[in-house]
Amino acid sequence: LALSRAGADVAVYEQAPARGEVGAGITMSPNASRILIHLGLGDALERLGFVPGRQWTQHWQSGAVLMEAD
């Protein structure tokens, strides 16, 4: 969106045959959220987003919890 608004010719490609939930989420930092809000996506974030009460960071292979935070 930012590149398009800056005049870049942008194309987005997806290899999945259809859009849908895949069971994964995206955790975004407050700084990333601020950028999306600045781009006019704040209402969508409020409507579709979720603020977790607790966050875990796990090792990609073992699943061991590396960090927990409220």
PDB file of N, CA and C in Angstrom:
ATOM      1  N   LEU A   1       0.824  -1.189   0.000  1.00  0.00           N
ATOM      2  CA  LEU A   1       0.000   0.000   0.000  1.00  0.00           C
ATOM      3  C   LEU A   1       0.871   1.257   0.000  1.00  0.00           C
ATOM      4  N   ALA A   2       1.890   1.265   0.843  1.00  0.00           N
ATOM      5  CA  ALA A   2       2.777   2.437   0.903  1.00  0.00           C
ATOM      6  C   ALA A   2       3.515   2.629  -0.423  1.00  0.00           C
ATOM      7  N   LEU A   3       4.007   1.537  -1.000  1.00  0.00           N
ATOM      8  CA  LEU A   3       4.709   1.647  -2.288  1.00  0.00           C
ATOM      9  C   LEU A   3       3.780   2.120  -3.392  1.00  0.00           C
ATOM     10  N   SER A   4       2.574   1.588  -3.408  1.00  0.00           N
ATOM     11  CA  SER A   4       1.592   1.990  -4.414  1.00  0.00           C
ATOM     12  C   SER A   4       1.261   3.471  -4.294  1.00  0.00           C
ATOM     13  N   ARG A   5       1.065   3.941  -3.075  1.00  0.00           N
ATOM     14  CA  ARG A   5       0.766   5.356  -2.851  1.00  0.00           C
ATOM     15  C   ARG A   5       1.936   6.255  -3.231  1.00  0.00           C
ATOM     16  N   ALA A   6       3.155   5.688  -3.188  1.00  0.00           N
ATOM     17  CA  ALA A   6       4.342   6.459  -3.572  1.00  0.00           C
ATOM     18  C   ALA A   6       4.573   6.421  -5.080  1.00  0.00           C
ATOM     19  N   GLY A   7       3.691   5.744  -5.821  1.00  0.00           N
ATOM     20  CA  GLY A   7       3.790   5.726  -7.273  1.00  0.00           C
ATOM     21  C   GLY A   7       4.419   4.491  -7.873  1.00  0.00           C
ATOM     22  N   ALA A   8       4.781   3.511  -7.052  1.00  0.00           N
ATOM     23  CA  ALA A   8       5.396   2.285  -7.577  1.00  0.00           C
ATOM     24  C   ALA A   8       4.327   1.393  -8.197  1.00  0.00           C
ATOM     25  N   ASP A   9       4.703   0.690  -9.245  1.00  0.00           N
ATOM     26  CA  ASP A   9       3.820  -0.294  -9.874  1.00  0.00           C
ATOM     27  C   ASP A   9       3.977  -1.593  -9.086  1.00  0.00           C
ATOM     28  N   VAL A  10       2.955  -1.976  -8.327  1.00  0.00           N
ATOM     29  CA  VAL A  10       3.049  -3.086  -7.389  1.00  0.00           C
ATOM     30  C   VAL A  10       2.123  -4.216  -7.818  1.00  0.00           C
ATOM     31  N   ALA A  11       2.627  -5.450  -7.754  1.00  0.00           N
ATOM     32  CA  ALA A  11       1.816  -6.646  -7.984  1.00  0.00           C
ATOM     33  C   ALA A  11       2.027  -7.587  -6.806  1.00  0.00           C
ATOM     34  N   VAL A  12       0.952  -8.178  -6.307  1.00  0.00           N
ATOM     35  CA  VAL A  12       1.029  -9.113  -5.192  1.00  0.00           C
ATOM     36  C   VAL A  12       0.625 -10.483  -5.724  1.00  0.00           C
ATOM     37  N   TYR A  13       1.437 -11.489  -5.454  1.00  0.00           N
ATOM     38  CA  TYR A  13       1.180 -12.839  -5.936  1.00  0.00           C
ATOM     39  C   TYR A  13       0.953 -13.779  -4.764  1.00  0.00           C
ATOM     40  N   GLU A  14       0.072 -14.744  -4.938  1.00  0.00           N
ATOM     41  CA  GLU A  14      -0.201 -15.748  -3.915  1.00  0.00           C
ATOM     42  C   GLU A  14      -0.288 -17.096  -4.608  1.00  0.00           C
ATOM     43  N   GLN A  15       0.383 -18.111  -4.057  1.00  0.00           N
ATOM     44  CA  GLN A  15       0.378 -19.423  -4.691  1.00  0.00           C
ATOM     45  C   GLN A  15      -0.754 -20.324  -4.220  1.00  0.00           C
ATOM     46  N   ALA A  16      -1.406 -19.988  -3.124  1.00  0.00           N
ATOM     47  CA  ALA A  16      -2.510 -20.811  -2.624  1.00  0.00           C
ATOM     48  C   ALA A  16      -3.678 -20.734  -3.606  1.00  0.00           C
ATOM     49  N   PRO A  17      -4.408 -21.835  -3.778  1.00  0.00           N
ATOM     50  CA  PRO A  17      -5.519 -21.829  -4.724  1.00  0.00           C
ATOM     51  C   PRO A  17      -6.691 -20.963  -4.265  1.00  0.00           C
ATOM     52  N   ALA A  18      -6.801 -20.699  -2.969  1.00  0.00           N
ATOM     53  CA  ALA A  18      -7.885 -19.868  -2.453  1.00  0.00           C
ATOM     54  C   ALA A  18      -7.428 -19.192  -1.166  1.00  0.00           C
ATOM     55  N   ARG A  19      -8.023 -18.033  -0.867  1.00  0.00           N
ATOM     56  CA  ARG A  19      -7.709 -17.352   0.385  1.00  0.00           C
ATOM     57  C   ARG A  19      -8.486 -18.008   1.513  1.00  0.00           C
ATOM     58  N   GLY A  20      -7.866 -18.087   2.687  1.00  0.00           N
ATOM     59  CA  GLY A  20      -8.547 -18.647   3.837  1.00  0.00           C
ATOM     60  C   GLY A  20      -7.603 -18.741   5.017  1.00  0.00           C
ATOM     61  N   GLU A  21      -8.139 -19.120   6.157  1.00  0.00           N
ATOM     62  CA  GLU A  21      -7.316 -19.267   7.349  1.00  0.00           C
ATOM     63  C   GLU A  21      -6.430 -20.494   7.227  1.00  0.00           C
ATOM     64  N   VAL A  22      -5.212 -20.368   7.714  1.00  0.00           N
ATOM     65  CA  VAL A  22      -4.284 -21.494   7.686  1.00  0.00           C
ATOM     66  C   VAL A  22      -3.839 -21.890   9.082  1.00  0.00           C
ATOM     67  N   GLY A  23      -4.400 -21.264  10.105  1.00  0.00           N
ATOM     68  CA  GLY A  23      -4.073 -21.637  11.469  1.00  0.00           C
ATOM     69  C   GLY A  23      -2.865 -20.941  12.048  1.00  0.00           C
ATOM     70  N   ALA A  24      -2.392 -19.917  11.391  1.00  0.00           N
ATOM     71  CA  ALA A  24      -1.234 -19.183  11.891  1.00  0.00           C
ATOM     72  C   ALA A  24      -1.610 -17.718  12.074  1.00  0.00           C
ATOM     73  N   GLY A  25      -0.902 -17.053  12.936  1.00  0.00           N
ATOM     74  CA  GLY A  25      -1.147 -15.633  13.153  1.00  0.00           C
ATOM     75  C   GLY A  25       0.110 -14.833  12.924  1.00  0.00           C
ATOM     76  N   ILE A  26      -0.060 -13.535  12.887  1.00  0.00           N
ATOM     77  CA  ILE A  26       1.066 -12.620  12.734  1.00  0.00           C
ATOM     78  C   ILE A  26       1.094 -11.730  13.963  1.00  0.00           C
ATOM     79  N   THR A  27       2.222 -11.698  14.642  1.00  0.00           N
ATOM     80  CA  THR A  27       2.395 -10.802  15.769  1.00  0.00           C
ATOM     81  C   THR A  27       3.130  -9.571  15.270  1.00  0.00           C
ATOM     82  N   MET A  28       2.567  -8.414  15.548  1.00  0.00           N
ATOM     83  CA  MET A  28       3.177  -7.170  15.091  1.00  0.00           C
ATOM     84  C   MET A  28       3.547  -6.299  16.280  1.00  0.00           C
ATOM     85  N   SER A  29       4.683  -5.656  16.170  1.00  0.00           N
ATOM     86  CA  SER A  29       5.132  -4.740  17.209  1.00  0.00           C
ATOM     87  C   SER A  29       4.286  -3.470  17.169  1.00  0.00           C
ATOM     88  N   PRO A  30       4.303  -2.693  18.243  1.00  0.00           N
ATOM     89  CA  PRO A  30       3.587  -1.409  18.211  1.00  0.00           C
ATOM     90  C   PRO A  30       4.044  -0.505  17.063  1.00  0.00           C
ATOM     91  N   ASN A  31       5.324  -0.536  16.729  1.00  0.00           N
ATOM     92  CA  ASN A  31       5.805   0.302  15.623  1.00  0.00           C
ATOM     93  C   ASN A  31       5.186  -0.119  14.296  1.00  0.00           C
ATOM     94  N   ALA A  32       5.058  -1.419  14.055  1.00  0.00           N
ATOM     95  CA  ALA A  32       4.433  -1.898  12.825  1.00  0.00           C
ATOM     96  C   ALA A  32       2.962  -1.506  12.800  1.00  0.00           C
ATOM     97  N   SER A  33       2.291  -1.602  13.937  1.00  0.00           N
ATOM     98  CA  SER A  33       0.883  -1.204  14.020  1.00  0.00           C
ATOM     99  C   SER A  33       0.723   0.279  13.698  1.00  0.00           C
ATOM    100  N   ARG A  34       1.613   1.105  14.198  1.00  0.00           N
ATOM    101  CA  ARG A  34       1.537   2.546  13.924  1.00  0.00           C
ATOM    102  C   ARG A  34       1.631   2.838  12.436  1.00  0.00           C
ATOM    103  N   ILE A  35       2.463   2.095  11.726  1.00  0.00           N
ATOM    104  CA  ILE A  35       2.591   2.305  10.278  1.00  0.00           C
ATOM    105  C   ILE A  35       1.278   1.951   9.581  1.00  0.00           C
ATOM    106  N   LEU A  36       0.675   0.835   9.959  1.00  0.00           N
ATOM    107  CA  LEU A  36      -0.598   0.452   9.350  1.00  0.00           C
ATOM    108  C   LEU A  36      -1.691   1.471   9.666  1.00  0.00           C
ATOM    109  N   ILE A  37      -1.692   1.988  10.881  1.00  0.00           N
ATOM    110  CA  ILE A  37      -2.662   3.023  11.245  1.00  0.00           C
ATOM    111  C   ILE A  37      -2.432   4.264  10.391  1.00  0.00           C
ATOM    112  N   HIS A  38      -1.176   4.654  10.207  1.00  0.00           N
ATOM    113  CA  HIS A  38      -0.831   5.808   9.371  1.00  0.00           C
ATOM    114  C   HIS A  38      -1.299   5.603   7.922  1.00  0.00           C
ATOM    115  N   LEU A  39      -1.300   4.380   7.447  1.00  0.00           N
ATOM    116  CA  LEU A  39      -1.753   4.071   6.086  1.00  0.00           C
ATOM    117  C   LEU A  39      -3.279   3.997   5.977  1.00  0.00           C
ATOM    118  N   GLY A  40      -3.971   4.229   7.094  1.00  0.00           N
ATOM    119  CA  GLY A  40      -5.429   4.237   7.061  1.00  0.00           C
ATOM    120  C   GLY A  40      -6.071   2.904   7.385  1.00  0.00           C
ATOM    121  N   LEU A  41      -5.311   1.981   7.963  1.00  0.00           N
ATOM    122  CA  LEU A  41      -5.833   0.644   8.236  1.00  0.00           C
ATOM    123  C   LEU A  41      -6.189   0.436   9.709  1.00  0.00           C
ATOM    124  N   GLY A  42      -6.245   1.512  10.479  1.00  0.00           N
ATOM    125  CA  GLY A  42      -6.534   1.408  11.903  1.00  0.00           C
ATOM    126  C   GLY A  42      -7.881   0.784  12.204  1.00  0.00           C
ATOM    127  N   ASP A  43      -8.923   1.164  11.456  1.00  0.00           N
ATOM    128  CA  ASP A  43     -10.252   0.593  11.688  1.00  0.00           C
ATOM    129  C   ASP A  43     -10.262  -0.913  11.436  1.00  0.00           C
ATOM    130  N   ALA A  44      -9.578  -1.347  10.394  1.00  0.00           N
ATOM    131  CA  ALA A  44      -9.506  -2.784  10.095  1.00  0.00           C
ATOM    132  C   ALA A  44      -8.748  -3.521  11.194  1.00  0.00           C
ATOM    133  N   LEU A  45      -7.682  -2.915  11.710  1.00  0.00           N
ATOM    134  CA  LEU A  45      -6.940  -3.537  12.812  1.00  0.00           C
ATOM    135  C   LEU A  45      -7.838  -3.696  14.034  1.00  0.00           C
ATOM    136  N   GLU A  46      -8.607  -2.658  14.343  1.00  0.00           N
ATOM    137  CA  GLU A  46      -9.520  -2.723  15.491  1.00  0.00           C
ATOM    138  C   GLU A  46     -10.565  -3.815  15.304  1.00  0.00           C
ATOM    139  N   ARG A  47     -11.088  -3.925  14.095  1.00  0.00           N
ATOM    140  CA  ARG A  47     -12.165  -4.874  13.798  1.00  0.00           C
ATOM    141  C   ARG A  47     -11.675  -6.321  13.730  1.00  0.00           C
ATOM    142  N   LEU A  48     -10.502  -6.529  13.145  1.00  0.00           N
ATOM    143  CA  LEU A  48     -10.025  -7.888  12.864  1.00  0.00           C
ATOM    144  C   LEU A  48      -8.926  -8.370  13.798  1.00  0.00           C
ATOM    145  N   GLY A  49      -8.268  -7.444  14.463  1.00  0.00           N
ATOM    146  CA  GLY A  49      -7.122  -7.798  15.286  1.00  0.00           C
ATOM    147  C   GLY A  49      -7.514  -8.342  16.647  1.00  0.00           C
ATOM    148  N   PHE A  50      -6.522  -8.842  17.326  1.00  0.00           N
ATOM    149  CA  PHE A  50      -6.694  -9.403  18.661  1.00  0.00           C
ATOM    150  C   PHE A  50      -5.466  -9.053  19.477  1.00  0.00           C
ATOM    151  N   VAL A  51      -5.660  -8.556  20.685  1.00  0.00           N
ATOM    152  CA  VAL A  51      -4.543  -8.242  21.565  1.00  0.00           C
ATOM    153  C   VAL A  51      -4.442  -9.365  22.588  1.00  0.00           C
ATOM    154  N   PRO A  52      -3.407 -10.192  22.497  1.00  0.00           N
ATOM    155  CA  PRO A  52      -3.275 -11.314  23.427  1.00  0.00           C
ATOM    156  C   PRO A  52      -2.907 -10.831  24.830  1.00  0.00           C
ATOM    157  N   GLY A  53      -3.348 -11.579  25.826  1.00  0.00           N
ATOM    158  CA  GLY A  53      -3.004 -11.244  27.194  1.00  0.00           C
ATOM    159  C   GLY A  53      -1.589 -11.650  27.556  1.00  0.00           C
ATOM    160  N   ARG A  54      -1.051 -12.594  26.824  1.00  0.00           N
ATOM    161  CA  ARG A  54       0.299 -13.103  27.099  1.00  0.00           C
ATOM    162  C   ARG A  54       0.937 -13.516  25.772  1.00  0.00           C
ATOM    163  N   GLN A  55       2.246 -13.396  25.697  1.00  0.00           N
ATOM    164  CA  GLN A  55       2.974 -13.735  24.468  1.00  0.00           C
ATOM    165  C   GLN A  55       4.083 -14.729  24.777  1.00  0.00           C
ATOM    166  N   TRP A  56       4.225 -15.712  23.922  1.00  0.00           N
ATOM    167  CA  TRP A  56       5.312 -16.688  24.026  1.00  0.00           C
ATOM    168  C   TRP A  56       6.121 -16.656  22.749  1.00  0.00           C
ATOM    169  N   THR A  57       7.419 -16.756  22.894  1.00  0.00           N
ATOM    170  CA  THR A  57       8.294 -16.970  21.748  1.00  0.00           C
ATOM    171  C   THR A  57       8.896 -18.349  21.932  1.00  0.00           C
ATOM    172  N   GLN A  58       8.719 -19.194  20.907  1.00  0.00           N
ATOM    173  CA  GLN A  58       9.178 -20.575  21.001  1.00  0.00           C
ATOM    174  C   GLN A  58      10.241 -20.872  19.962  1.00  0.00           C
ATOM    175  N   HIS A  59      11.104 -21.813  20.283  1.00  0.00           N
ATOM    176  CA  HIS A  59      12.122 -22.277  19.344  1.00  0.00           C
ATOM    177  C   HIS A  59      11.420 -22.952  18.179  1.00  0.00           C
ATOM    178  N   TRP A  60      11.844 -22.640  16.977  1.00  0.00           N
ATOM    179  CA  TRP A  60      11.163 -23.126  15.774  1.00  0.00           C
ATOM    180  C   TRP A  60      11.187 -24.644  15.643  1.00  0.00           C
ATOM    181  N   GLN A  61      12.214 -25.276  16.172  1.00  0.00           N
ATOM    182  CA  GLN A  61      12.358 -26.724  15.984  1.00  0.00           C
ATOM    183  C   GLN A  61      11.897 -27.522  17.197  1.00  0.00           C
ATOM    184  N   SER A  62      12.309 -27.119  18.380  1.00  0.00           N
ATOM    185  CA  SER A  62      12.007 -27.909  19.562  1.00  0.00           C
ATOM    186  C   SER A  62      10.685 -27.519  20.216  1.00  0.00           C
ATOM    187  N   GLY A  63      10.220 -26.302  19.959  1.00  0.00           N
ATOM    188  CA  GLY A  63       9.010 -25.822  20.609  1.00  0.00           C
ATOM    189  C   GLY A  63       9.259 -25.304  22.016  1.00  0.00           C
ATOM    190  N   ALA A  64      10.520 -25.342  22.468  1.00  0.00           N
ATOM    191  CA  ALA A  64      10.851 -24.851  23.806  1.00  0.00           C
ATOM    192  C   ALA A  64      10.517 -23.358  23.905  1.00  0.00           C
ATOM    193  N   VAL A  65       9.934 -22.957  25.035  1.00  0.00           N
ATOM    194  CA  VAL A  65       9.583 -21.547  25.260  1.00  0.00           C
ATOM    195  C   VAL A  65      10.865 -20.781  25.548  1.00  0.00           C
ATOM    196  N   LEU A  66      11.144 -19.777  24.732  1.00  0.00           N
ATOM    197  CA  LEU A  66      12.343 -18.962  24.867  1.00  0.00           C
ATOM    198  C   LEU A  66      12.067 -17.688  25.651  1.00  0.00           C
ATOM    199  N   MET A  67      10.815 -17.192  25.583  1.00  0.00           N
ATOM    200  CA  MET A  67      10.476 -15.931  26.235  1.00  0.00           C
ATOM    201  C   MET A  67       8.980 -15.899  26.468  1.00  0.00           C
ATOM    202  N   GLU A  68       8.571 -15.355  27.620  1.00  0.00           N
ATOM    203  CA  GLU A  68       7.166 -15.113  27.911  1.00  0.00           C
ATOM    204  C   GLU A  68       7.022 -13.685  28.400  1.00  0.00           C
ATOM    205  N   ALA A  69       5.943 -13.032  28.025  1.00  0.00           N
ATOM    206  CA  ALA A  69       5.705 -11.656  28.470  1.00  0.00           C
ATOM    207  C   ALA A  69       4.210 -11.390  28.527  1.00  0.00           C
ATOM    208  N   ASP A  70       3.807 -10.549  29.482  1.00  0.00           N
ATOM    209  CA  ASP A  70       2.400 -10.111  29.563  1.00  0.00           C
ATOM    210  C   ASP A  70       2.144  -9.061  28.515  1.00  0.00           C
TER     211      ASP A  70
END
